[in-house]
Amino acid sequence: MGKHTRNVLTVKAIAASKSVKLRDGGGLWLVTKGHGRYWIFDYRFARKRRELGLGPLHSVGLADARQKAEAARVLVRHGIDPIEHRHGVEAIEAAKAKAEVKAFGPYADDFIDAAVKAGRWRGAKTEAGWRNTMTVHAGPIREIAIAEIGVPHVLSVLRPLWGVKQETAEKLRERIERVLDSAKVEGLRTGENPAVWKGNLEHVLHKPDALTNTNNHPALPYSRVASFVKKLRCVDGMGARALEFTILTAARSGETRGASWPEIDLDGALWVIPAKRMKEGKEHRVALSKAAVRLLKATPRFEGTDLIFPAVRGGKISDMTLAAAIKRMHASELEAGRAG
């Protein structure tokens, strides 16, 4: 019998033989273990000998065993380990089975817990917002299997908010999209994400811009900025100083309100805002003008806090404090008969 001969065995030969190990050829063997007889595929992969179980003789006949062995040979020829391939298939099947019982709500809760543990969000406010969105606004779909969530389900929770509480609706849509994206990566879903806006929900919901009647705050003409800052310096209070620093550095209000002395290099005229405080999650370096440096040098340091512009009662000053400084300036201008 040649080394590469295949299909040696017959059903009768198998029934009549009492050998512990029978060779069919091409790596296919029938072996006796205990009181049972089992098919195995013997092969080499990555210079190592491996055995792939193909099932017991009582449930896998000779023809089926040969088909399974040939499928394994094809994988080997394509550089795929049959055992690892089986593990991958089993993992996918397990994920599908898990998806059938994993509901959207519990999965969303797990998603939030993982984000908090990884430090993905900057503060408790973001976490609270997510939990509220997924519990209250996404409540009607929490018990639906994550694998079954479709466009009708997403629309059912968006439509009551759309055009009424637009910002909440948009956050809800975005967060559902992210949760479903995560579920797909974990093998709990297949297909397109039903919460995607572009090319999907945009066709059945009005564009947010058409629904959101945004009243922008009036902007100060660039030609009047220098005059505004000059007058601002005559106004007392932490809000006025924080507002001036915001203007001089072109920073966001939140960046200024959270600014601390360890972030400042006065000698190098540099403000380094750490990634955890930035909206994009990346460190931001701001070159300080001479005016900004002078302002900082003139600002007293308060005991018990590293904040440059702390609130009177401790902690960060609020956005309202900066807004109040602007309103006082505006009122003063109006009283003087100017445009404000």
Protein backbone atom coordinates (compact mmCIF):
# COMPACT_ATOMS: atom_id res chain seq x y z
CA MET A 1 0.00 0.00 0.00
CA GLY A 2 1.49 3.34 -1.09
CA LYS A 3 2.21 6.08 1.42
CA HIS A 4 -0.28 8.46 -0.21
CA THR A 5 -3.02 5.90 -0.91
CA ARG A 6 -6.45 7.05 0.22
CA ASN A 7 -9.89 5.49 0.77
CA VAL A 8 -8.42 2.18 1.89
CA LEU A 9 -11.14 1.22 4.33
CA THR A 10 -14.58 -0.20 3.62
CA VAL A 11 -17.62 -0.39 5.84
CA LYS A 12 -17.29 -4.18 6.01
CA ALA A 13 -13.58 -4.02 6.83
CA ILE A 14 -14.26 -1.61 9.67
CA ALA A 15 -16.99 -3.83 11.10
CA ALA A 16 -14.80 -6.92 10.90
CA SER A 17 -11.56 -5.40 12.22
CA LYS A 18 -10.60 -5.40 15.88
CA SER A 19 -7.47 -3.29 15.34
CA VAL A 20 -6.91 -0.38 17.71
CA LYS A 21 -6.01 1.90 14.80
CA LEU A 22 -7.15 1.68 11.18
CA ARG A 23 -5.70 3.86 8.41
CA ASP A 24 -7.87 5.12 5.58
CA GLY A 25 -5.09 7.21 4.04
CA GLY A 26 -4.37 10.89 3.64
CA GLY A 27 -4.19 11.40 7.40
CA LEU A 28 -7.60 9.87 8.19
CA TRP A 29 -7.60 7.25 10.96
CA LEU A 30 -10.16 5.29 12.94
CA VAL A 31 -8.90 4.73 16.46
CA THR A 32 -10.30 2.81 19.41
CA LYS A 33 -10.39 4.63 22.74
CA GLY A 34 -11.96 2.82 25.67
CA HIS A 35 -15.22 1.37 24.46
CA GLY A 36 -15.61 3.74 21.53
CA ARG A 37 -14.17 4.17 18.04
CA TYR A 38 -13.37 7.66 16.78
CA TRP A 39 -12.24 9.32 13.59
CA ILE A 40 -9.18 11.56 13.67
CA PHE A 41 -7.36 13.57 11.03
CA ASP A 42 -3.58 13.44 11.52
CA TYR A 43 -1.73 16.37 9.91
CA ARG A 44 1.28 18.63 10.21
CA PHE A 45 1.01 22.40 10.57
CA ALA A 46 3.79 24.90 11.29
CA ARG A 47 6.19 21.94 11.64
CA LYS A 48 4.08 20.39 14.36
CA ARG A 49 2.00 17.23 14.26
CA ARG A 50 -1.64 17.73 15.25
CA GLU A 51 -4.76 15.58 15.52
CA LEU A 52 -8.23 16.86 14.71
CA GLY A 53 -11.14 14.86 16.08
CA LEU A 54 -13.86 14.24 13.50
CA GLY A 55 -16.40 12.47 15.69
CA PRO A 56 -17.34 8.95 16.85
CA LEU A 57 -18.00 6.15 14.39
CA HIS A 58 -21.58 5.64 15.61
CA SER A 59 -22.55 9.16 14.42
CA VAL A 60 -19.98 9.84 11.68
CA GLY A 61 -19.90 7.22 8.96
CA LEU A 62 -16.99 6.47 6.64
CA ALA A 63 -18.21 8.76 3.85
CA ASP A 64 -18.79 11.66 6.24
CA ALA A 65 -15.38 11.17 7.84
CA ARG A 66 -13.72 11.33 4.42
CA GLN A 67 -15.57 14.57 3.60
CA LYS A 68 -14.47 16.14 6.88
CA ALA A 69 -10.89 15.01 6.34
CA GLU A 70 -10.86 16.51 2.85
CA ALA A 71 -12.23 19.81 4.17
CA ALA A 72 -9.39 19.85 6.71
CA ARG A 73 -6.83 19.13 3.97
CA VAL A 74 -8.12 22.11 1.98
CA LEU A 75 -7.62 24.36 5.00
CA VAL A 76 -4.06 23.12 5.50
CA ARG A 77 -3.27 23.73 1.83
CA HIS A 78 -4.45 27.33 2.28
CA GLY A 79 -2.29 27.88 5.33
CA ILE A 80 -5.11 27.53 7.86
CA ASP A 81 -4.85 25.31 10.92
CA PRO A 82 -8.05 23.18 11.01
CA ILE A 83 -8.10 23.12 14.82
CA GLU A 84 -7.79 26.91 15.10
CA HIS A 85 -10.40 27.27 12.37
CA ARG A 86 -12.80 25.10 14.37
CA HIS A 87 -12.18 27.17 17.49
CA GLY A 88 -13.02 30.31 15.51
CA VAL A 89 -16.24 28.83 14.17
CA GLU A 90 -17.21 27.66 17.65
CA ALA A 91 -16.54 31.14 19.03
CA ILE A 92 -18.80 32.69 16.39
CA GLU A 93 -21.56 30.19 17.12
CA ALA A 94 -21.21 30.84 20.84
CA ALA A 95 -21.44 34.58 20.23
CA LYS A 96 -24.58 34.08 18.15
CA ALA A 97 -26.13 31.98 20.89
CA LYS A 98 -25.15 34.61 23.45
CA ALA A 99 -26.63 37.35 21.30
CA GLU A 100 -29.99 35.60 21.29
CA VAL A 101 -30.30 36.12 25.03
CA LYS A 102 -28.24 39.31 25.50
CA ALA A 103 -30.64 42.22 25.61
CA PHE A 104 -29.80 45.76 24.55
CA GLY A 105 -30.20 47.25 28.03
CA PRO A 106 -27.79 44.98 29.93
CA TYR A 107 -25.27 45.22 27.10
CA ALA A 108 -25.48 49.04 27.13
CA ASP A 109 -24.91 48.98 30.89
CA ASP A 110 -21.83 46.78 30.41
CA PHE A 111 -20.59 49.16 27.70
CA ILE A 112 -20.85 52.11 30.10
CA ASP A 113 -19.16 50.19 32.92
CA ALA A 114 -16.25 49.30 30.62
CA ALA A 115 -15.88 52.92 29.48
CA VAL A 116 -15.78 54.15 33.07
CA LYS A 117 -13.24 51.50 34.07
CA ALA A 118 -11.02 52.43 31.12
CA GLY A 119 -11.18 56.13 32.02
CA ARG A 120 -12.63 56.94 28.61
CA TRP A 121 -14.73 59.81 29.93
CA ARG A 122 -13.46 62.91 31.71
CA GLY A 123 -16.02 63.16 34.47
CA ALA A 124 -19.01 61.76 36.31
CA LYS A 125 -21.32 64.08 34.36
CA THR A 126 -20.68 62.21 31.11
CA GLU A 127 -21.25 58.86 32.77
CA ALA A 128 -24.49 60.09 34.34
CA GLY A 129 -25.66 61.40 30.98
CA TRP A 130 -25.01 58.06 29.32
CA ARG A 131 -26.77 56.08 32.03
CA ASN A 132 -29.79 58.38 31.93
CA THR A 133 -29.99 58.15 28.14
CA MET A 134 -29.71 54.36 28.06
CA THR A 135 -32.10 53.84 30.98
CA VAL A 136 -34.80 56.46 30.43
CA HIS A 137 -34.88 57.38 26.74
CA ALA A 138 -33.80 53.96 25.42
CA GLY A 139 -36.03 52.24 27.98
CA PRO A 140 -38.56 50.84 25.46
CA ILE A 141 -35.86 48.80 23.68
CA ARG A 142 -33.82 47.66 26.69
CA GLU A 143 -35.35 44.17 26.78
CA ILE A 144 -34.97 43.52 23.05
CA ALA A 145 -32.16 41.15 22.04
CA ILE A 146 -29.10 43.12 20.92
CA ALA A 147 -28.98 41.06 17.72
CA GLU A 148 -32.57 41.97 16.85
CA ILE A 149 -32.37 45.76 17.18
CA GLY A 150 -33.35 47.30 13.84
CA VAL A 151 -34.30 50.66 12.36
CA PRO A 152 -37.92 50.46 13.61
CA HIS A 153 -36.68 50.00 17.18
CA VAL A 154 -34.29 52.94 16.92
CA LEU A 155 -36.98 55.16 15.42
CA SER A 156 -39.43 54.18 18.15
CA VAL A 157 -37.24 55.86 20.79
CA LEU A 158 -36.01 58.75 18.64
CA ARG A 159 -39.29 60.06 17.22
CA PRO A 160 -40.83 61.14 20.56
CA LEU A 161 -37.77 63.38 21.11
CA TRP A 162 -36.96 64.45 17.56
CA GLY A 163 -37.73 68.12 17.04
CA VAL A 164 -38.90 68.45 20.65
CA LYS A 165 -35.73 67.76 22.61
CA GLN A 166 -33.36 67.76 19.67
CA GLU A 167 -30.07 67.74 21.54
CA THR A 168 -31.23 64.81 23.67
CA ALA A 169 -32.45 62.97 20.57
CA GLU A 170 -29.14 63.40 18.77
CA LYS A 171 -27.17 62.20 21.79
CA LEU A 172 -29.48 59.20 22.07
CA ARG A 173 -28.99 58.26 18.41
CA GLU A 174 -25.21 58.64 18.62
CA ARG A 175 -24.99 56.56 21.80
CA ILE A 176 -27.18 53.78 20.46
CA GLU A 177 -24.96 53.72 17.36
CA ARG A 178 -21.82 53.35 19.48
CA VAL A 179 -23.33 50.60 21.63
CA LEU A 180 -24.41 48.64 18.54
CA ASP A 181 -21.00 49.14 16.91
CA SER A 182 -19.40 47.62 19.99
CA ALA A 183 -21.82 44.70 19.93
CA LYS A 184 -20.91 43.99 16.31
CA VAL A 185 -17.19 43.97 17.11
CA GLU A 186 -17.89 41.41 19.84
CA GLY A 187 -19.74 39.22 17.36
CA LEU A 188 -23.15 39.83 18.92
CA ARG A 189 -24.55 41.46 15.78
CA THR A 190 -24.17 41.30 12.02
CA GLY A 191 -25.15 43.66 9.23
CA GLU A 192 -25.45 47.43 9.11
CA ASN A 193 -25.90 49.60 12.19
CA PRO A 194 -29.56 50.76 12.28
CA ALA A 195 -28.69 53.89 14.27
CA VAL A 196 -26.31 55.33 11.66
CA TRP A 197 -27.40 58.75 10.40
CA LYS A 198 -25.66 59.08 7.03
CA GLY A 199 -27.39 57.10 4.32
CA ASN A 200 -29.85 55.66 6.81
CA LEU A 201 -31.89 57.64 9.35
CA GLU A 202 -31.35 60.88 7.44
CA HIS A 203 -33.88 59.58 4.91
CA VAL A 204 -36.71 59.22 7.43
CA LEU A 205 -35.94 61.97 9.94
CA HIS A 206 -35.55 65.65 9.13
CA LYS A 207 -32.04 67.01 9.26
CA PRO A 208 -31.18 68.29 12.74
CA ASP A 209 -30.28 71.72 11.32
CA ALA A 210 -33.79 72.11 9.94
CA LEU A 211 -35.34 71.30 13.30
CA THR A 212 -33.01 73.14 15.62
CA ASN A 213 -33.78 76.82 15.82
CA THR A 214 -30.48 77.99 17.22
CA ASN A 215 -30.22 81.51 18.51
CA ASN A 216 -26.53 82.27 18.45
CA HIS A 217 -25.07 84.70 20.92
CA PRO A 218 -24.17 88.02 19.30
CA ALA A 219 -20.50 88.13 18.39
CA LEU A 220 -18.19 91.00 19.22
CA PRO A 221 -16.68 92.53 16.05
CA TYR A 222 -12.94 91.92 15.85
CA SER A 223 -12.31 95.67 15.60
CA ARG A 224 -13.78 96.13 19.08
CA VAL A 225 -11.92 93.30 20.87
CA ALA A 226 -8.99 95.49 22.00
CA SER A 227 -11.36 98.11 23.39
CA PHE A 228 -13.42 95.42 25.11
CA VAL A 229 -10.37 93.87 26.80
CA LYS A 230 -9.17 97.30 27.93
CA LYS A 231 -12.51 97.97 29.61
CA LEU A 232 -12.65 94.43 30.97
CA ARG A 233 -9.43 95.03 32.89
CA CYS A 234 -11.24 97.71 34.86
CA VAL A 235 -13.81 95.19 36.07
CA ASP A 236 -13.09 93.42 39.34
CA GLY A 237 -13.83 89.78 40.04
CA MET A 238 -12.61 86.31 39.17
CA GLY A 239 -15.09 86.05 36.32
CA ALA A 240 -13.61 89.10 34.60
CA ARG A 241 -10.06 87.75 34.95
CA ALA A 242 -11.06 84.33 33.64
CA LEU A 243 -12.88 85.94 30.72
CA GLU A 244 -9.84 88.05 29.88
CA PHE A 245 -7.60 84.96 29.98
CA THR A 246 -10.05 83.12 27.73
CA ILE A 247 -9.90 85.93 25.17
CA LEU A 248 -6.10 86.19 25.30
CA THR A 249 -5.63 82.44 24.79
CA ALA A 250 -8.61 81.74 22.49
CA ALA A 251 -9.49 78.90 24.86
CA ARG A 252 -12.82 77.28 25.55
CA SER A 253 -14.63 78.36 28.68
CA GLY A 254 -14.23 74.92 30.25
CA GLU A 255 -10.50 74.90 29.58
CA THR A 256 -10.08 78.24 31.35
CA ARG A 257 -12.32 77.35 34.27
CA GLY A 258 -10.32 74.18 34.89
CA ALA A 259 -6.89 75.76 34.32
CA SER A 260 -4.42 75.04 37.11
CA TRP A 261 -1.00 76.41 38.01
CA PRO A 262 0.84 73.10 37.34
CA GLU A 263 -0.26 73.45 33.69
CA ILE A 264 1.45 76.83 33.37
CA ASP A 265 5.09 77.47 32.49
CA LEU A 266 5.51 81.22 32.98
CA ASP A 267 9.20 81.20 32.05
CA GLY A 268 8.47 79.37 28.83
CA ALA A 269 5.21 81.28 28.24
CA LEU A 270 3.38 78.00 27.73
CA TRP A 271 0.10 76.49 28.90
CA VAL A 272 -0.09 72.70 28.56
CA ILE A 273 -3.65 71.38 28.88
CA PRO A 274 -3.58 67.62 29.61
CA ALA A 275 -5.44 65.22 27.34
CA LYS A 276 -7.99 64.30 30.00
CA ARG A 277 -9.27 67.90 30.01
CA MET A 278 -9.52 68.24 26.25
CA LYS A 279 -12.67 67.46 24.28
CA GLU A 280 -10.67 65.50 21.70
CA GLY A 281 -8.72 63.64 24.37
CA LYS A 282 -5.34 64.95 23.18
CA GLU A 283 -2.85 67.17 24.99
CA HIS A 284 -3.08 70.80 23.85
CA ARG A 285 -0.22 73.31 24.09
CA VAL A 286 -1.02 77.03 24.09
CA ALA A 287 1.66 79.67 23.58
CA LEU A 288 0.99 82.49 26.03
CA SER A 289 1.17 86.08 24.84
CA LYS A 290 2.93 88.71 26.93
CA ALA A 291 -0.47 90.02 28.00
CA ALA A 292 -1.54 86.55 29.16
CA VAL A 293 1.71 86.10 31.12
CA ARG A 294 1.24 89.51 32.76
CA LEU A 295 -2.31 88.59 33.74
CA LEU A 296 -1.14 85.33 35.33
CA LYS A 297 1.70 86.99 37.20
CA ALA A 298 -0.78 89.49 38.62
CA THR A 299 -3.23 86.78 39.64
CA PRO A 300 -2.87 85.67 43.28
CA ARG A 301 -2.48 82.02 44.18
CA PHE A 302 -5.11 80.74 46.57
CA GLU A 303 -4.33 78.38 49.41
CA GLY A 304 -5.80 74.90 49.18
CA THR A 305 -6.29 74.83 45.41
CA ASP A 306 -4.21 74.69 42.23
CA LEU A 307 -6.97 76.33 40.20
CA ILE A 308 -5.99 79.66 38.71
CA PHE A 309 -9.55 80.98 38.74
CA PRO A 310 -11.30 79.26 41.66
CA ALA A 311 -14.84 79.97 42.80
CA VAL A 312 -15.35 81.86 46.05
CA ARG A 313 -16.70 78.73 47.74
CA GLY A 314 -14.09 76.45 46.24
CA GLY A 315 -13.94 74.42 43.07
CA LYS A 316 -14.18 75.77 39.55
CA ILE A 317 -16.07 78.89 38.65
CA SER A 318 -19.14 78.32 36.51
CA ASP A 319 -19.92 79.38 32.96
CA MET A 320 -22.48 81.71 34.47
CA THR A 321 -19.70 83.61 36.22
CA LEU A 322 -18.06 84.42 32.89
CA ALA A 323 -21.44 85.22 31.35
CA ALA A 324 -22.21 87.57 34.22
CA ALA A 325 -19.01 89.51 33.52
CA ILE A 326 -20.09 89.99 29.92
CA LYS A 327 -23.59 91.07 30.94
CA ARG A 328 -22.17 93.66 33.34
CA MET A 329 -19.96 95.04 30.57
CA HIS A 330 -22.92 95.09 28.19
CA ALA A 331 -25.14 96.92 30.68
CA SER A 332 -22.40 99.45 31.37
CA GLU A 333 -22.05 100.20 27.66
CA LEU A 334 -25.79 100.65 27.25
CA GLU A 335 -25.92 103.04 30.20
CA ALA A 336 -23.18 105.09 28.55
CA GLY A 337 -25.31 105.33 25.42
CA ARG A 338 -23.15 102.97 23.37
CA ALA A 339 -24.15 99.87 21.40
CA GLY A 340 -23.07 97.43 24.11
